[in-house]
Amino acid sequence: MYSIVMVMKAAQLIKYGGQDAIQTQEAPRPVPAEGEVLIEVHAAGVNPFDVKVREGKVRGMAELDLPATLGGDFAGVVSELGRGVSGFEPGQAVYGQAGALSGRGSFAEFTPVKAEQLAPKPNAVDFVEAAGLPLVGSSAYQALVDHMDLQAGQKILIHGGAGGIGSIAVQLAKHLGAYVAATAGADDVDFVKNLGADEVVDYRSQDFSELIHGYDAVYDTVGGETNRRSYAVLRPGGALVSMAAKPDEELVKKYGIKYVSQFTRTTTERLGKVAELVDSGTLKPYVDKVFVLEQAAEAVEYIKSGHHRGKVIIEIKK
């Protein structure tokens, strides 16, 4: 007796390397394991992490069995429930994060997702906008609320204010009542001010460490020299949360700050909080460019260029 293997379209990594390493092709449709939900993907968000996966820079975390379907963020509809899953139902609109290093990612017509990384989609946005929210929304919430406990009247510097995470973090910080400074390129200054930033520093022509002092918090999504210069802008006891650099213990001690190296955990609880903020009008996702599934390789290359403002999305089902 033969079993029928159902197929789907997926953007897959066929080798490690550049743009030609990703190919959209037919792949076996996944079956949800225990604790998983199979999602019919309507749209998928592209993140800088997808570039690192493509280039083989995270092979120390997981060695993919090629060809492997890429992608983490998504918005779609529940197709099938794995054993032991409750709280979701077929046909329900949801958003969340698939396993970007599982080889069964979200750049596909279907993706299996752990139930604890899934939540009902915000009602105020469509699938394309919602697909850009899971990682950036969870990251900003985890940093500003959980790690910093940012309070009204405090001052925060957000690096990369025009990027996916930065654009959400600026809005969230203003909602929390903070004074917000952000770094951005000259072309993005007005965009970041319109998000709610009180002050925007052009990182190409200005040195933020000479302009900003005594701040309560810094949120760093850039790393490198930007990270090293960020210690000096904090007051003693201030918090530096970085998604891009490990702490320099000598500088932590010298400036007397709290340092957190953040690895974002996208959970149902955080996704639910983000959805509430979106539905209340507090947070608005900004989509820079939309590609189709056959253009997934171009979408990842576009993210690598660093010229995006807000999120880059692959629309899979209209």
C-alpha atoms as a PDB file:
ATOM      1  CA  MET A   1       0.000   0.000   0.000  1.00  0.00           C
ATOM      2  CA  TYR A   2       1.446   3.347  -1.046  1.00  0.00           C
ATOM      3  CA  SER A   3       1.170   6.543   0.974  1.00  0.00           C
ATOM      4  CA  ILE A   4       0.575   9.773  -0.916  1.00  0.00           C
ATOM      5  CA  VAL A   5       3.128  12.489  -0.256  1.00  0.00           C
ATOM      6  CA  MET A   6       1.513  15.908  -0.604  1.00  0.00           C
ATOM      7  CA  VAL A   7       3.695  18.667  -2.018  1.00  0.00           C
ATOM      8  CA  MET A   8       3.830  22.449  -1.807  1.00  0.00           C
ATOM      9  CA  LYS A   9       5.934  25.336  -3.050  1.00  0.00           C
ATOM     10  CA  ALA A  10       8.759  26.456  -0.779  1.00  0.00           C
ATOM     11  CA  ALA A  11      11.807  28.731  -0.924  1.00  0.00           C
ATOM     12  CA  GLN A  12      14.640  26.427   0.009  1.00  0.00           C
ATOM     13  CA  LEU A  13      18.321  26.706   0.755  1.00  0.00           C
ATOM     14  CA  ILE A  14      20.065  24.346  -1.659  1.00  0.00           C
ATOM     15  CA  LYS A  15      23.611  25.329  -0.611  1.00  0.00           C
ATOM     16  CA  TYR A  16      25.286  27.914   1.590  1.00  0.00           C
ATOM     17  CA  GLY A  17      26.272  31.147  -0.101  1.00  0.00           C
ATOM     18  CA  GLY A  18      24.819  34.140  -1.932  1.00  0.00           C
ATOM     19  CA  GLN A  19      21.545  34.928  -3.661  1.00  0.00           C
ATOM     20  CA  ASP A  20      21.722  31.828  -5.876  1.00  0.00           C
ATOM     21  CA  ALA A  21      21.699  29.603  -2.769  1.00  0.00           C
ATOM     22  CA  ILE A  22      17.913  30.000  -2.453  1.00  0.00           C
ATOM     23  CA  GLN A  23      15.569  28.344  -4.916  1.00  0.00           C
ATOM     24  CA  THR A  24      11.763  28.219  -4.975  1.00  0.00           C
ATOM     25  CA  GLN A  25      10.701  24.667  -5.782  1.00  0.00           C
ATOM     26  CA  GLU A  26       8.358  21.838  -4.860  1.00  0.00           C
ATOM     27  CA  ALA A  27       8.866  20.278  -1.443  1.00  0.00           C
ATOM     28  CA  PRO A  28       6.983  17.730   0.692  1.00  0.00           C
ATOM     29  CA  ARG A  29       4.165  19.324   2.631  1.00  0.00           C
ATOM     30  CA  PRO A  30       5.019  18.979   6.347  1.00  0.00           C
ATOM     31  CA  VAL A  31       2.932  17.067   8.860  1.00  0.00           C
ATOM     32  CA  PRO A  32       2.516  18.645  12.317  1.00  0.00           C
ATOM     33  CA  ALA A  33       4.190  16.723  15.140  1.00  0.00           C
ATOM     34  CA  GLU A  34       2.877  16.527  18.676  1.00  0.00           C
ATOM     35  CA  GLY A  35       2.463  20.051  20.065  1.00  0.00           C
ATOM     36  CA  GLU A  36       2.625  21.639  16.613  1.00  0.00           C
ATOM     37  CA  VAL A  37       0.095  23.420  14.409  1.00  0.00           C
ATOM     38  CA  LEU A  38       0.241  23.261  10.614  1.00  0.00           C
ATOM     39  CA  ILE A  39      -0.228  26.734   9.173  1.00  0.00           C
ATOM     40  CA  GLU A  40      -1.331  27.670   5.673  1.00  0.00           C
ATOM     41  CA  VAL A  41       1.009  30.626   5.236  1.00  0.00           C
ATOM     42  CA  HIS A  42      -0.413  33.787   3.693  1.00  0.00           C
ATOM     43  CA  ALA A  43       2.696  35.928   4.217  1.00  0.00           C
ATOM     44  CA  ALA A  44       6.172  35.552   5.717  1.00  0.00           C
ATOM     45  CA  GLY A  45       8.485  38.167   7.187  1.00  0.00           C
ATOM     46  CA  VAL A  46      12.145  38.327   6.179  1.00  0.00           C
ATOM     47  CA  ASN A  47      14.761  39.039   8.860  1.00  0.00           C
ATOM     48  CA  PRO A  48      18.545  39.638   8.919  1.00  0.00           C
ATOM     49  CA  PHE A  49      18.798  36.221  10.588  1.00  0.00           C
ATOM     50  CA  ASP A  50      17.680  34.655   7.286  1.00  0.00           C
ATOM     51  CA  VAL A  51      20.772  36.150   5.629  1.00  0.00           C
ATOM     52  CA  LYS A  52      22.987  34.561   8.287  1.00  0.00           C
ATOM     53  CA  VAL A  53      21.323  31.186   7.724  1.00  0.00           C
ATOM     54  CA  ARG A  54      21.805  31.487   3.950  1.00  0.00           C
ATOM     55  CA  GLU A  55      25.487  32.296   4.349  1.00  0.00           C
ATOM     56  CA  GLY A  56      26.101  29.439   6.792  1.00  0.00           C
ATOM     57  CA  LYS A  57      26.966  31.766   9.670  1.00  0.00           C
ATOM     58  CA  VAL A  58      24.756  29.970  12.198  1.00  0.00           C
ATOM     59  CA  ARG A  59      25.843  26.408  11.421  1.00  0.00           C
ATOM     60  CA  GLY A  60      27.233  26.202  14.928  1.00  0.00           C
ATOM     61  CA  MET A  61      23.633  26.449  16.196  1.00  0.00           C
ATOM     62  CA  ALA A  62      22.159  23.933  13.769  1.00  0.00           C
ATOM     63  CA  GLU A  63      23.425  22.058  10.727  1.00  0.00           C
ATOM     64  CA  LEU A  64      20.606  22.051   8.195  1.00  0.00           C
ATOM     65  CA  ASP A  65      19.793  19.018   6.102  1.00  0.00           C
ATOM     66  CA  LEU A  66      19.688  20.576   2.618  1.00  0.00           C
ATOM     67  CA  PRO A  67      17.492  21.395   0.847  1.00  0.00           C
ATOM     68  CA  ALA A  68      15.936  23.247   3.805  1.00  0.00           C
ATOM     69  CA  THR A  69      12.956  25.595   3.843  1.00  0.00           C
ATOM     70  CA  LEU A  70      13.933  28.999   5.234  1.00  0.00           C
ATOM     71  CA  GLY A  71      12.008  31.601   7.222  1.00  0.00           C
ATOM     72  CA  GLY A  72      10.694  32.337  10.694  1.00  0.00           C
ATOM     73  CA  ASP A  73       7.993  35.030  10.855  1.00  0.00           C
ATOM     74  CA  PHE A  74       4.582  34.383   9.314  1.00  0.00           C
ATOM     75  CA  ALA A  75       0.881  35.136   9.322  1.00  0.00           C
ATOM     76  CA  GLY A  76      -1.675  32.664   8.059  1.00  0.00           C
ATOM     77  CA  VAL A  77      -4.518  30.315   8.861  1.00  0.00           C
ATOM     78  CA  VAL A  78      -4.595  27.172  10.982  1.00  0.00           C
ATOM     79  CA  SER A  79      -4.775  24.154   8.690  1.00  0.00           C
ATOM     80  CA  GLU A  80      -4.317  21.196  11.043  1.00  0.00           C
ATOM     81  CA  LEU A  81      -3.680  20.583  14.742  1.00  0.00           C
ATOM     82  CA  GLY A  82      -1.000  18.190  15.934  1.00  0.00           C
ATOM     83  CA  ARG A  83      -1.654  15.825  18.817  1.00  0.00           C
ATOM     84  CA  GLY A  84      -2.055  17.489  22.194  1.00  0.00           C
ATOM     85  CA  VAL A  85      -2.742  21.011  20.887  1.00  0.00           C
ATOM     86  CA  SER A  86      -5.644  23.010  22.261  1.00  0.00           C
ATOM     87  CA  GLY A  87      -6.617  26.681  22.109  1.00  0.00           C
ATOM     88  CA  PHE A  88      -6.529  26.902  18.311  1.00  0.00           C
ATOM     89  CA  GLU A  89      -8.922  25.719  15.620  1.00  0.00           C
ATOM     90  CA  PRO A  90      -8.784  25.121  11.858  1.00  0.00           C
ATOM     91  CA  GLY A  91      -9.516  28.256   9.857  1.00  0.00           C
ATOM     92  CA  GLN A  92      -8.350  30.609  12.623  1.00  0.00           C
ATOM     93  CA  ALA A  93      -6.186  33.569  11.551  1.00  0.00           C
ATOM     94  CA  VAL A  94      -2.893  33.470  13.453  1.00  0.00           C
ATOM     95  CA  TYR A  95       0.640  34.812  13.446  1.00  0.00           C
ATOM     96  CA  GLY A  96       3.896  33.748  15.030  1.00  0.00           C
ATOM     97  CA  GLN A  97       7.276  32.226  14.388  1.00  0.00           C
ATOM     98  CA  ALA A  98       8.227  28.964  12.749  1.00  0.00           C
ATOM     99  CA  GLY A  99      11.580  27.265  13.235  1.00  0.00           C
ATOM    100  CA  ALA A 100      14.011  29.296  11.135  1.00  0.00           C
ATOM    101  CA  LEU A 101      16.657  26.622  11.792  1.00  0.00           C
ATOM    102  CA  SER A 102      14.336  23.632  11.570  1.00  0.00           C
ATOM    103  CA  GLY A 103      14.520  23.273   7.795  1.00  0.00           C
ATOM    104  CA  ARG A 104      10.716  23.573   7.813  1.00  0.00           C
ATOM    105  CA  GLY A 105      10.438  27.353   7.855  1.00  0.00           C
ATOM    106  CA  SER A 106       7.802  29.876   6.833  1.00  0.00           C
ATOM    107  CA  PHE A 107       8.896  30.669   3.267  1.00  0.00           C
ATOM    108  CA  ALA A 108       6.436  28.059   2.068  1.00  0.00           C
ATOM    109  CA  GLU A 109       2.770  27.433   1.443  1.00  0.00           C
ATOM    110  CA  PHE A 110       2.602  25.451   4.696  1.00  0.00           C
ATOM    111  CA  THR A 111       4.748  25.469   7.836  1.00  0.00           C
ATOM    112  CA  PRO A 112       4.562  23.528  11.131  1.00  0.00           C
ATOM    113  CA  VAL A 113       4.743  25.742  14.219  1.00  0.00           C
ATOM    114  CA  LYS A 114       5.073  25.001  17.928  1.00  0.00           C
ATOM    115  CA  ALA A 115       1.811  26.014  19.594  1.00  0.00           C
ATOM    116  CA  GLU A 116       3.686  28.105  22.172  1.00  0.00           C
ATOM    117  CA  GLN A 117       5.071  30.325  19.385  1.00  0.00           C
ATOM    118  CA  LEU A 118       1.655  31.109  17.939  1.00  0.00           C
ATOM    119  CA  ALA A 119      -1.163  33.565  18.734  1.00  0.00           C
ATOM    120  CA  PRO A 120      -4.327  34.973  17.150  1.00  0.00           C
ATOM    121  CA  LYS A 121      -3.500  37.543  14.468  1.00  0.00           C
ATOM    122  CA  PRO A 122      -4.132  41.201  15.345  1.00  0.00           C
ATOM    123  CA  ASN A 123      -7.474  42.225  13.867  1.00  0.00           C
ATOM    124  CA  ALA A 124      -6.349  45.733  12.889  1.00  0.00           C
ATOM    125  CA  VAL A 125      -3.845  44.607  10.242  1.00  0.00           C
ATOM    126  CA  ASP A 126      -3.869  42.309   7.219  1.00  0.00           C
ATOM    127  CA  PHE A 127      -1.758  39.167   6.784  1.00  0.00           C
ATOM    128  CA  VAL A 128       1.089  41.035   5.067  1.00  0.00           C
ATOM    129  CA  GLU A 129       1.443  43.552   7.903  1.00  0.00           C
ATOM    130  CA  ALA A 130       0.994  40.890  10.587  1.00  0.00           C
ATOM    131  CA  ALA A 131       3.761  38.759   9.061  1.00  0.00           C
ATOM    132  CA  GLY A 132       6.258  41.493   9.852  1.00  0.00           C
ATOM    133  CA  LEU A 133       5.436  41.614  13.560  1.00  0.00           C
ATOM    134  CA  PRO A 134       6.403  38.388  15.399  1.00  0.00           C
ATOM    135  CA  LEU A 135      10.166  38.818  15.779  1.00  0.00           C
ATOM    136  CA  VAL A 136      10.320  42.619  15.901  1.00  0.00           C
ATOM    137  CA  GLY A 137       7.317  42.966  18.196  1.00  0.00           C
ATOM    138  CA  SER A 138       8.490  40.248  20.567  1.00  0.00           C
ATOM    139  CA  SER A 139      12.049  41.633  20.542  1.00  0.00           C
ATOM    140  CA  ALA A 140      11.014  45.175  21.380  1.00  0.00           C
ATOM    141  CA  TYR A 141       8.573  44.047  24.076  1.00  0.00           C
ATOM    142  CA  GLN A 142      11.090  41.676  25.662  1.00  0.00           C
ATOM    143  CA  ALA A 143      13.778  44.388  25.709  1.00  0.00           C
ATOM    144  CA  LEU A 144      11.809  47.439  26.840  1.00  0.00           C
ATOM    145  CA  VAL A 145       9.259  45.820  29.157  1.00  0.00           C
ATOM    146  CA  ASP A 146      10.836  42.614  30.443  1.00  0.00           C
ATOM    147  CA  HIS A 147      14.540  43.548  30.579  1.00  0.00           C
ATOM    148  CA  MET A 148      14.536  47.340  31.010  1.00  0.00           C
ATOM    149  CA  ASP A 149      11.209  47.875  32.787  1.00  0.00           C
ATOM    150  CA  LEU A 150      11.165  51.205  30.958  1.00  0.00           C
ATOM    151  CA  GLN A 151       9.135  53.795  32.868  1.00  0.00           C
ATOM    152  CA  ALA A 152       7.450  57.091  31.998  1.00  0.00           C
ATOM    153  CA  GLY A 153       9.899  59.967  32.150  1.00  0.00           C
ATOM    154  CA  GLN A 154      12.988  57.845  31.541  1.00  0.00           C
ATOM    155  CA  LYS A 155      15.283  58.384  28.560  1.00  0.00           C
ATOM    156  CA  ILE A 156      16.143  55.698  26.017  1.00  0.00           C
ATOM    157  CA  LEU A 157      18.423  55.607  22.982  1.00  0.00           C
ATOM    158  CA  ILE A 158      17.321  53.200  20.253  1.00  0.00           C
ATOM    159  CA  HIS A 159      19.841  52.312  17.551  1.00  0.00           C
ATOM    160  CA  GLY A 160      18.551  51.633  14.050  1.00  0.00           C
ATOM    161  CA  GLY A 161      15.282  53.500  14.569  1.00  0.00           C
ATOM    162  CA  ALA A 162      14.129  53.008  10.973  1.00  0.00           C
ATOM    163  CA  GLY A 163      14.688  49.243  10.913  1.00  0.00           C
ATOM    164  CA  GLY A 164      12.198  46.494  11.615  1.00  0.00           C
ATOM    165  CA  ILE A 165      12.878  46.215  15.347  1.00  0.00           C
ATOM    166  CA  GLY A 166      13.786  49.871  15.825  1.00  0.00           C
ATOM    167  CA  SER A 167      10.572  51.180  14.270  1.00  0.00           C
ATOM    168  CA  ILE A 168       8.497  49.128  16.696  1.00  0.00           C
ATOM    169  CA  ALA A 169      10.754  49.928  19.669  1.00  0.00           C
ATOM    170  CA  VAL A 170      10.412  53.688  19.094  1.00  0.00           C
ATOM    171  CA  GLN A 171       6.617  53.418  19.110  1.00  0.00           C
ATOM    172  CA  LEU A 172       6.583  51.175  22.186  1.00  0.00           C
ATOM    173  CA  ALA A 173       8.961  53.447  24.112  1.00  0.00           C
ATOM    174  CA  LYS A 174       6.739  56.473  23.425  1.00  0.00           C
ATOM    175  CA  HIS A 175       3.689  54.486  24.545  1.00  0.00           C
ATOM    176  CA  LEU A 176       5.507  53.737  27.813  1.00  0.00           C
ATOM    177  CA  GLY A 177       6.043  57.467  28.317  1.00  0.00           C
ATOM    178  CA  ALA A 178       9.797  57.625  27.732  1.00  0.00           C
ATOM    179  CA  TYR A 179      11.841  60.352  26.066  1.00  0.00           C
ATOM    180  CA  VAL A 180      13.129  58.674  22.899  1.00  0.00           C
ATOM    181  CA  ALA A 181      16.319  59.367  20.990  1.00  0.00           C
ATOM    182  CA  ALA A 182      17.151  57.188  17.991  1.00  0.00           C
ATOM    183  CA  THR A 183      19.923  56.798  15.450  1.00  0.00           C
ATOM    184  CA  ALA A 184      19.106  56.614  11.749  1.00  0.00           C
ATOM    185  CA  GLY A 185      20.438  57.588   8.336  1.00  0.00           C
ATOM    186  CA  ALA A 186      19.775  61.100   7.018  1.00  0.00           C
ATOM    187  CA  ASP A 187      17.065  59.822   4.650  1.00  0.00           C
ATOM    188  CA  ASP A 188      15.182  58.257   7.552  1.00  0.00           C
ATOM    189  CA  VAL A 189      15.233  61.112  10.067  1.00  0.00           C
ATOM    190  CA  ASP A 190      11.705  62.345   9.278  1.00  0.00           C
ATOM    191  CA  PHE A 191      10.359  58.775   9.193  1.00  0.00           C
ATOM    192  CA  VAL A 192      11.717  58.042  12.677  1.00  0.00           C
ATOM    193  CA  LYS A 193      10.432  61.368  14.048  1.00  0.00           C
ATOM    194  CA  ASN A 194       6.996  60.513  12.702  1.00  0.00           C
ATOM    195  CA  LEU A 195       7.173  57.235  14.629  1.00  0.00           C
ATOM    196  CA  GLY A 196       7.405  59.332  17.784  1.00  0.00           C
ATOM    197  CA  ALA A 197      11.122  59.869  18.399  1.00  0.00           C
ATOM    198  CA  ASP A 198      11.868  63.103  20.251  1.00  0.00           C
ATOM    199  CA  GLU A 199      15.388  63.297  18.851  1.00  0.00           C
ATOM    200  CA  VAL A 200      17.046  61.589  15.872  1.00  0.00           C
ATOM    201  CA  VAL A 201      20.816  61.420  15.393  1.00  0.00           C
ATOM    202  CA  ASP A 202      22.172  60.935  11.866  1.00  0.00           C
ATOM    203  CA  TYR A 203      24.689  58.183  12.549  1.00  0.00           C
ATOM    204  CA  ARG A 204      26.696  58.981   9.417  1.00  0.00           C
ATOM    205  CA  SER A 205      27.410  62.649  10.207  1.00  0.00           C
ATOM    206  CA  GLN A 206      26.949  62.831  13.990  1.00  0.00           C
ATOM    207  CA  ASP A 207      28.484  60.984  16.953  1.00  0.00           C
ATOM    208  CA  PHE A 208      25.659  60.043  19.302  1.00  0.00           C
ATOM    209  CA  SER A 209      28.107  59.477  22.180  1.00  0.00           C
ATOM    210  CA  GLU A 210      29.035  63.182  22.085  1.00  0.00           C
ATOM    211  CA  LEU A 211      25.416  64.332  22.008  1.00  0.00           C
ATOM    212  CA  ILE A 212      23.663  61.998  24.457  1.00  0.00           C
ATOM    213  CA  HIS A 213      24.529  61.502  28.129  1.00  0.00           C
ATOM    214  CA  GLY A 214      22.912  60.301  31.336  1.00  0.00           C
ATOM    215  CA  TYR A 215      20.329  58.060  29.672  1.00  0.00           C
ATOM    216  CA  ASP A 216      18.472  55.288  31.486  1.00  0.00           C
ATOM    217  CA  ALA A 217      18.552  52.736  28.677  1.00  0.00           C
ATOM    218  CA  VAL A 218      20.043  51.859  25.302  1.00  0.00           C
ATOM    219  CA  TYR A 219      18.551  49.317  22.905  1.00  0.00           C
ATOM    220  CA  ASP A 220      21.199  48.117  20.456  1.00  0.00           C
ATOM    221  CA  THR A 221      20.358  46.173  17.306  1.00  0.00           C
ATOM    222  CA  VAL A 222      23.555  47.207  15.484  1.00  0.00           C
ATOM    223  CA  GLY A 223      26.560  45.940  17.479  1.00  0.00           C
ATOM    224  CA  GLY A 224      30.211  46.635  16.686  1.00  0.00           C
ATOM    225  CA  GLU A 225      31.593  50.106  17.390  1.00  0.00           C
ATOM    226  CA  THR A 226      28.057  51.435  17.901  1.00  0.00           C
ATOM    227  CA  ASN A 227      27.703  49.057  20.824  1.00  0.00           C
ATOM    228  CA  ARG A 228      31.069  50.031  22.347  1.00  0.00           C
ATOM    229  CA  ARG A 229      30.238  53.739  22.252  1.00  0.00           C
ATOM    230  CA  SER A 230      26.851  53.124  23.855  1.00  0.00           C
ATOM    231  CA  TYR A 231      28.176  52.393  27.358  1.00  0.00           C
ATOM    232  CA  ALA A 232      29.218  56.026  27.820  1.00  0.00           C
ATOM    233  CA  VAL A 233      25.738  57.466  27.190  1.00  0.00           C
ATOM    234  CA  LEU A 234      24.223  55.636  30.171  1.00  0.00           C
ATOM    235  CA  ARG A 235      23.919  56.832  33.754  1.00  0.00           C
ATOM    236  CA  PRO A 236      25.301  54.509  36.462  1.00  0.00           C
ATOM    237  CA  GLY A 237      22.711  51.760  36.899  1.00  0.00           C
ATOM    238  CA  GLY A 238      21.364  52.251  33.384  1.00  0.00           C
ATOM    239  CA  ALA A 239      20.576  49.301  31.125  1.00  0.00           C
ATOM    240  CA  LEU A 240      22.075  48.328  27.769  1.00  0.00           C
ATOM    241  CA  VAL A 241      20.169  45.590  25.969  1.00  0.00           C
ATOM    242  CA  SER A 242      21.876  44.329  22.817  1.00  0.00           C
ATOM    243  CA  MET A 243      20.750  41.861  20.192  1.00  0.00           C
ATOM    244  CA  ALA A 244      24.065  42.140  18.375  1.00  0.00           C
ATOM    245  CA  ALA A 245      26.966  42.065  20.853  1.00  0.00           C
ATOM    246  CA  LYS A 246      28.215  40.341  23.988  1.00  0.00           C
ATOM    247  CA  PRO A 247      29.102  42.512  26.991  1.00  0.00           C
ATOM    248  CA  ASP A 248      32.562  43.974  27.522  1.00  0.00           C
ATOM    249  CA  GLU A 249      32.894  43.198  31.216  1.00  0.00           C
ATOM    250  CA  GLU A 250      35.517  45.912  31.749  1.00  0.00           C
ATOM    251  CA  LEU A 251      33.192  48.563  30.313  1.00  0.00           C
ATOM    252  CA  VAL A 252      30.208  47.195  32.247  1.00  0.00           C
ATOM    253  CA  LYS A 253      32.209  47.629  35.461  1.00  0.00           C
ATOM    254  CA  LYS A 254      33.675  51.004  34.460  1.00  0.00           C
ATOM    255  CA  TYR A 255      30.278  52.579  33.761  1.00  0.00           C
ATOM    256  CA  GLY A 256      28.342  50.624  36.400  1.00  0.00           C
ATOM    257  CA  ILE A 257      25.572  49.508  34.078  1.00  0.00           C
ATOM    258  CA  LYS A 258      23.300  46.521  33.614  1.00  0.00           C
ATOM    259  CA  TYR A 259      23.951  44.621  30.372  1.00  0.00           C
ATOM    260  CA  VAL A 260      21.656  42.071  28.724  1.00  0.00           C
ATOM    261  CA  SER A 261      22.532  40.054  25.615  1.00  0.00           C
ATOM    262  CA  GLN A 262      19.070  39.341  24.302  1.00  0.00           C
ATOM    263  CA  PHE A 263      18.043  36.239  22.423  1.00  0.00           C
ATOM    264  CA  THR A 264      14.424  36.858  21.530  1.00  0.00           C
ATOM    265  CA  ARG A 265      11.855  34.304  22.628  1.00  0.00           C
ATOM    266  CA  THR A 266       8.649  34.593  20.624  1.00  0.00           C
ATOM    267  CA  THR A 267       5.913  33.272  22.905  1.00  0.00           C
ATOM    268  CA  THR A 268       2.134  33.169  22.778  1.00  0.00           C
ATOM    269  CA  GLU A 269       2.059  35.608  25.711  1.00  0.00           C
ATOM    270  CA  ARG A 270       4.335  38.191  24.065  1.00  0.00           C
ATOM    271  CA  LEU A 271       2.582  37.823  20.709  1.00  0.00           C
ATOM    272  CA  GLY A 272      -0.707  38.405  22.523  1.00  0.00           C
ATOM    273  CA  LYS A 273       0.621  41.595  24.137  1.00  0.00           C
ATOM    274  CA  VAL A 274       1.888  42.854  20.767  1.00  0.00           C
ATOM    275  CA  ALA A 275      -1.481  42.081  19.148  1.00  0.00           C
ATOM    276  CA  GLU A 276      -3.268  44.097  21.859  1.00  0.00           C
ATOM    277  CA  LEU A 277      -0.979  47.077  21.224  1.00  0.00           C
ATOM    278  CA  VAL A 278      -1.561  46.833  17.463  1.00  0.00           C
ATOM    279  CA  ASP A 279      -5.328  46.551  17.855  1.00  0.00           C
ATOM    280  CA  SER A 280      -5.407  49.552  20.208  1.00  0.00           C
ATOM    281  CA  GLY A 281      -3.570  51.644  17.619  1.00  0.00           C
ATOM    282  CA  THR A 282      -0.437  51.980  19.767  1.00  0.00           C
ATOM    283  CA  LEU A 283       1.835  50.032  17.402  1.00  0.00           C
ATOM    284  CA  LYS A 284       1.743  50.218  13.623  1.00  0.00           C
ATOM    285  CA  PRO A 285       3.857  47.891  11.489  1.00  0.00           C
ATOM    286  CA  TYR A 286       5.572  49.481   8.493  1.00  0.00           C
ATOM    287  CA  VAL A 287       6.091  47.367   5.384  1.00  0.00           C
ATOM    288  CA  ASP A 288       8.896  48.538   3.106  1.00  0.00           C
ATOM    289  CA  LYS A 289       8.567  46.073   0.228  1.00  0.00           C
ATOM    290  CA  VAL A 290       6.547  42.987  -0.680  1.00  0.00           C
ATOM    291  CA  PHE A 291       7.885  40.092  -2.771  1.00  0.00           C
ATOM    292  CA  VAL A 292       6.190  36.908  -3.996  1.00  0.00           C
ATOM    293  CA  LEU A 293       7.424  33.433  -3.071  1.00  0.00           C
ATOM    294  CA  GLU A 294       9.299  33.018  -6.351  1.00  0.00           C
ATOM    295  CA  GLN A 295      11.280  36.145  -5.408  1.00  0.00           C
ATOM    296  CA  ALA A 296      12.354  34.865  -1.983  1.00  0.00           C
ATOM    297  CA  ALA A 297      16.031  34.892  -2.963  1.00  0.00           C
ATOM    298  CA  GLU A 298      15.710  38.556  -3.969  1.00  0.00           C
ATOM    299  CA  ALA A 299      13.886  39.379  -0.724  1.00  0.00           C
ATOM    300  CA  VAL A 300      16.693  37.956   1.413  1.00  0.00           C
ATOM    301  CA  GLU A 301      19.307  39.782  -0.695  1.00  0.00           C
ATOM    302  CA  TYR A 302      17.331  43.031  -0.260  1.00  0.00           C
ATOM    303  CA  ILE A 303      17.444  42.592   3.518  1.00  0.00           C
ATOM    304  CA  LYS A 304      21.203  42.103   3.297  1.00  0.00           C
ATOM    305  CA  SER A 305      21.569  45.425   1.457  1.00  0.00           C
ATOM    306  CA  GLY A 306      20.353  47.185   4.616  1.00  0.00           C
ATOM    307  CA  HIS A 307      18.313  49.739   2.693  1.00  0.00           C
ATOM    308  CA  HIS A 308      14.915  48.676   4.005  1.00  0.00           C
ATOM    309  CA  ARG A 309      12.713  50.920   6.140  1.00  0.00           C
ATOM    310  CA  GLY A 310      10.477  48.805   8.339  1.00  0.00           C
ATOM    311  CA  LYS A 311       9.750  45.239   7.234  1.00  0.00           C
ATOM    312  CA  VAL A 312      10.271  43.156   4.099  1.00  0.00           C
ATOM    313  CA  ILE A 313       7.549  40.602   3.379  1.00  0.00           C
ATOM    314  CA  ILE A 314       7.043  37.599   1.102  1.00  0.00           C
ATOM    315  CA  GLU A 315       3.361  37.330   0.173  1.00  0.00           C
ATOM    316  CA  ILE A 316       2.440  33.711  -0.476  1.00  0.00           C
ATOM    317  CA  LYS A 317      -1.350  33.677  -0.664  1.00  0.00           C
ATOM    318  CA  LYS A 318      -3.469  36.693  -1.589  1.00  0.00           C
END
